[in-house]
Amino acid sequence: MAENDNSPKQKIGTPKSKDAYRQAWDAAMGQPSRPQSKASELMKVPELVRALEHMFGSTGDPIFADALAAVTSYGFEKHGLKRGGDRAEALTFGDLDEGYLAQIRFMVERRGWTVPVATQEVVARFRVPGQSFDTVTHELARRYRAWVAAGFPSPNIDDVGDLGYSWLVFPINDETLNLGRIVIPPEGLTVKATGFWRRLLRDGSIRVQRVP
């Protein structure tokens, strides 16, 4: 019979020590980056479109129709995988650091972490490059505070990844959710079903109801 494991375990959503984050960052930055796939190894966009059309026709599942709409909306069908991906990333996230800032904000607002601890988590988890762990965390925390002071300027929330229908979005716990450029009241807000709102839904920040 296996013995009971009474050793302390790191709980999900529980911050680690700064030394632990620094060690994780140092170890990660000492490893070579994962090689990117060659263009010849990737499925071509027309093949992907035909595959999704076949899946939708075979199953009738609207998730495949949504995937087809996303391929067109993000520009992959027109620009291809590589250029379409670069374009979609720029339209969706803007400066790469904005993605890091959004992660810090989530941990501060949803988990109640301090800015320094949330910044250390992001730097270690996403292997944010820089001269040293302390230098990167100090600069990213500075940028986060400036972003907060500027009112959380956010990426495009209107058109990128638009699937052609609308959602009524609600904040979790029926409390007003301030996203900087837009505020979601407890009674809900009608929006286009774009990638911005799908990410918030996936992260558990909102709940949605499809508008007929």
Protein backbone atom coordinates (compact mmCIF):
# COMPACT_ATOMS: atom_id res chain seq x y z
CA MET A 1 0.00 0.00 0.00
CA ALA A 2 1.37 3.39 -0.97
CA GLU A 3 2.17 5.75 1.85
CA ASN A 4 0.19 8.96 2.19
CA ASP A 5 1.99 11.92 0.66
CA ASN A 6 1.84 14.62 3.34
CA SER A 7 4.33 16.92 1.62
CA PRO A 8 3.07 20.46 0.99
CA LYS A 9 1.79 21.04 -2.53
CA GLN A 10 1.62 24.28 -4.49
CA LYS A 11 -2.05 25.19 -4.83
CA ILE A 12 -3.35 26.45 -8.15
CA GLY A 13 -3.48 30.23 -8.04
CA THR A 14 -1.05 30.45 -5.12
CA PRO A 15 2.01 32.66 -5.72
CA LYS A 16 5.51 31.28 -5.23
CA SER A 17 8.50 32.99 -3.64
CA LYS A 18 10.57 35.47 -5.63
CA ASP A 19 13.56 33.12 -5.45
CA ALA A 20 11.45 30.30 -6.92
CA TYR A 21 10.34 32.52 -9.79
CA ARG A 22 13.92 33.67 -10.39
CA GLN A 23 15.20 30.08 -10.47
CA ALA A 24 12.45 29.07 -12.91
CA TRP A 25 13.27 32.03 -15.18
CA ASP A 26 17.02 31.37 -15.04
CA ALA A 27 16.46 27.69 -15.88
CA ALA A 28 14.05 28.49 -18.74
CA MET A 29 16.28 31.15 -20.29
CA GLY A 30 19.17 28.69 -20.29
CA GLN A 31 17.22 26.35 -22.57
CA PRO A 32 17.05 26.76 -26.34
CA SER A 33 13.78 28.08 -27.69
CA ARG A 34 11.46 25.57 -29.32
CA PRO A 35 12.15 25.58 -33.07
CA GLN A 36 9.37 27.03 -35.17
CA SER A 37 7.60 24.81 -37.67
CA LYS A 38 8.65 25.19 -41.26
CA ALA A 39 6.05 26.56 -43.63
CA SER A 40 6.15 23.31 -45.62
CA GLU A 41 5.18 21.36 -42.48
CA LEU A 42 2.03 23.40 -41.89
CA MET A 43 -1.36 22.69 -43.45
CA LYS A 44 -2.11 25.16 -46.23
CA VAL A 45 -5.07 27.47 -45.62
CA PRO A 46 -7.16 26.13 -48.56
CA GLU A 47 -6.67 22.61 -47.18
CA LEU A 48 -7.75 23.80 -43.73
CA VAL A 49 -10.85 25.49 -45.17
CA ARG A 50 -11.83 22.36 -47.10
CA ALA A 51 -11.29 20.23 -44.00
CA LEU A 52 -13.45 22.49 -41.85
CA GLU A 53 -16.16 22.58 -44.53
CA HIS A 54 -16.14 18.78 -44.62
CA MET A 55 -16.31 18.57 -40.81
CA PHE A 56 -19.22 21.00 -40.70
CA GLY A 57 -21.05 19.19 -43.50
CA SER A 58 -20.50 15.84 -41.83
CA THR A 59 -21.55 16.86 -38.33
CA GLY A 60 -23.65 20.01 -38.62
CA ASP A 61 -21.80 21.23 -35.51
CA PRO A 62 -21.72 25.06 -35.57
CA ILE A 63 -18.27 25.06 -33.95
CA PHE A 64 -16.81 24.19 -37.37
CA ALA A 65 -18.79 27.01 -39.01
CA ASP A 66 -17.39 29.36 -36.36
CA ALA A 67 -13.88 28.13 -37.13
CA LEU A 68 -14.43 28.84 -40.84
CA ALA A 69 -15.68 32.34 -40.03
CA ALA A 70 -12.64 32.94 -37.82
CA VAL A 71 -10.23 31.88 -40.59
CA THR A 72 -11.74 34.54 -42.86
CA SER A 73 -12.18 37.22 -40.20
CA TYR A 74 -8.58 37.03 -39.00
CA GLY A 75 -7.29 37.24 -42.58
CA PHE A 76 -5.73 33.78 -42.87
CA GLU A 77 -7.65 32.92 -46.04
CA LYS A 78 -6.39 36.09 -47.76
CA HIS A 79 -2.87 36.37 -46.33
CA GLY A 80 -1.89 32.75 -45.60
CA LEU A 81 -0.72 31.20 -42.33
CA LYS A 82 2.52 33.11 -41.75
CA ARG A 83 1.54 36.63 -42.87
CA GLY A 84 -2.01 36.10 -41.67
CA GLY A 85 -0.74 35.00 -38.26
CA ASP A 86 1.58 37.99 -37.93
CA ARG A 87 -1.24 40.33 -38.98
CA ALA A 88 -3.76 38.75 -36.61
CA GLU A 89 -1.32 38.91 -33.69
CA ALA A 90 -0.61 42.59 -34.32
CA LEU A 91 -4.31 43.46 -34.66
CA THR A 92 -5.30 41.45 -31.60
CA PHE A 93 -2.54 42.14 -29.12
CA GLY A 94 -0.59 45.12 -30.47
CA ASP A 95 2.73 45.30 -28.65
CA LEU A 96 3.70 41.87 -27.29
CA ASP A 97 4.11 43.40 -23.84
CA GLU A 98 0.37 44.19 -23.79
CA GLY A 99 -0.27 40.48 -23.45
CA TYR A 100 1.99 40.35 -20.41
CA LEU A 101 0.27 43.40 -18.93
CA ALA A 102 -3.15 41.79 -19.40
CA GLN A 103 -1.93 38.68 -17.56
CA ILE A 104 -0.66 40.81 -14.66
CA ARG A 105 -3.98 42.63 -14.50
CA PHE A 106 -5.88 39.33 -14.36
CA MET A 107 -3.80 38.11 -11.41
CA VAL A 108 -4.08 41.43 -9.58
CA GLU A 109 -7.84 41.84 -10.07
CA ARG A 110 -9.06 38.24 -10.08
CA ARG A 111 -6.60 36.62 -7.66
CA GLY A 112 -5.81 39.58 -5.43
CA TRP A 113 -2.05 39.35 -5.94
CA THR A 114 0.26 42.32 -5.55
CA VAL A 115 1.76 43.87 -8.68
CA PRO A 116 5.32 42.65 -7.86
CA VAL A 117 4.21 39.04 -7.29
CA ALA A 118 1.95 38.99 -10.37
CA THR A 119 4.80 40.41 -12.46
CA GLN A 120 7.22 37.75 -11.20
CA GLU A 121 4.71 35.02 -12.09
CA VAL A 122 4.28 36.36 -15.64
CA VAL A 123 8.02 36.82 -16.23
CA ALA A 124 8.79 33.28 -15.06
CA ARG A 125 5.85 31.55 -16.74
CA PHE A 126 6.18 33.22 -20.15
CA ARG A 127 9.99 33.45 -20.19
CA VAL A 128 9.95 37.20 -20.78
CA PRO A 129 13.42 37.94 -22.22
CA GLY A 130 15.81 40.47 -20.73
CA GLN A 131 19.17 41.09 -19.08
CA SER A 132 18.20 39.53 -15.75
CA PHE A 133 15.10 38.39 -13.86
CA ASP A 134 15.17 41.44 -11.57
CA THR A 135 15.65 43.86 -14.46
CA VAL A 136 12.78 42.37 -16.45
CA THR A 137 10.35 42.29 -13.52
CA HIS A 138 11.20 45.87 -12.50
CA GLU A 139 10.65 47.20 -16.04
CA LEU A 140 7.45 45.22 -16.64
CA ALA A 141 6.00 46.32 -13.28
CA ARG A 142 6.83 49.93 -14.20
CA ARG A 143 5.08 49.53 -17.55
CA TYR A 144 2.07 47.92 -15.87
CA ARG A 145 1.64 50.86 -13.47
CA ALA A 146 1.91 53.28 -16.40
CA TRP A 147 -0.70 51.21 -18.27
CA VAL A 148 -3.02 51.41 -15.26
CA ALA A 149 -2.51 55.18 -15.01
CA ALA A 150 -3.38 55.52 -18.71
CA GLY A 151 -6.71 53.76 -18.16
CA PHE A 152 -5.82 50.27 -19.47
CA PRO A 153 -5.64 51.08 -23.20
CA SER A 154 -6.70 47.82 -24.81
CA PRO A 155 -6.39 46.13 -28.20
CA ASN A 156 -9.11 46.17 -30.83
CA ILE A 157 -12.27 44.63 -29.36
CA ASP A 158 -14.68 45.32 -32.20
CA ASP A 159 -13.80 43.43 -35.36
CA VAL A 160 -10.87 41.03 -34.95
CA GLY A 161 -12.14 37.46 -35.13
CA ASP A 162 -15.77 38.55 -35.65
CA LEU A 163 -17.88 35.42 -36.22
CA GLY A 164 -20.84 37.31 -37.65
CA TYR A 165 -23.21 37.11 -34.69
CA SER A 166 -23.61 38.83 -31.32
CA TRP A 167 -23.43 37.90 -27.65
CA LEU A 168 -25.02 39.36 -24.57
CA VAL A 169 -22.09 39.33 -22.14
CA PHE A 170 -22.39 39.45 -18.36
CA PRO A 171 -19.76 39.93 -15.63
CA ILE A 172 -19.16 37.05 -13.26
CA ASN A 173 -20.81 37.41 -9.81
CA ASP A 174 -23.16 40.07 -11.23
CA GLU A 175 -20.69 42.86 -10.41
CA THR A 176 -19.75 45.62 -12.86
CA LEU A 177 -16.61 44.69 -14.80
CA ASN A 178 -14.38 47.59 -15.89
CA LEU A 179 -12.22 46.68 -18.89
CA GLY A 180 -10.81 50.18 -19.39
CA ARG A 181 -12.30 51.14 -22.76
CA ILE A 182 -15.57 49.43 -21.97
CA VAL A 183 -17.62 48.62 -18.87
CA ILE A 184 -19.90 45.58 -18.58
CA PRO A 185 -22.87 46.30 -16.28
CA PRO A 186 -24.57 43.54 -14.26
CA GLU A 187 -27.53 43.56 -16.68
CA GLY A 188 -25.21 42.69 -19.57
CA LEU A 189 -23.90 44.27 -22.76
CA THR A 190 -24.50 43.28 -26.40
CA VAL A 191 -21.25 42.84 -28.35
CA LYS A 192 -19.93 41.18 -31.50
CA ALA A 193 -18.60 37.66 -30.93
CA THR A 194 -14.95 38.57 -31.51
CA GLY A 195 -11.72 36.97 -30.32
CA PHE A 196 -11.45 39.52 -27.51
CA TRP A 197 -14.69 38.36 -25.90
CA ARG A 198 -13.96 34.68 -26.51
CA ARG A 199 -10.69 35.03 -24.60
CA LEU A 200 -12.52 36.64 -21.67
CA LEU A 201 -15.06 33.80 -21.75
CA ARG A 202 -12.29 31.19 -21.80
CA ASP A 203 -10.51 32.92 -18.89
CA GLY A 204 -13.69 32.82 -16.81
CA SER A 205 -14.08 36.61 -16.66
CA ILE A 206 -17.54 36.70 -18.29
CA ARG A 207 -20.52 34.55 -19.14
CA VAL A 208 -22.37 34.90 -22.42
CA GLN A 209 -25.74 34.39 -24.06
CA ARG A 210 -26.07 34.27 -27.83
CA VAL A 211 -28.35 36.93 -29.28
CA PRO A 212 -30.94 35.42 -31.69
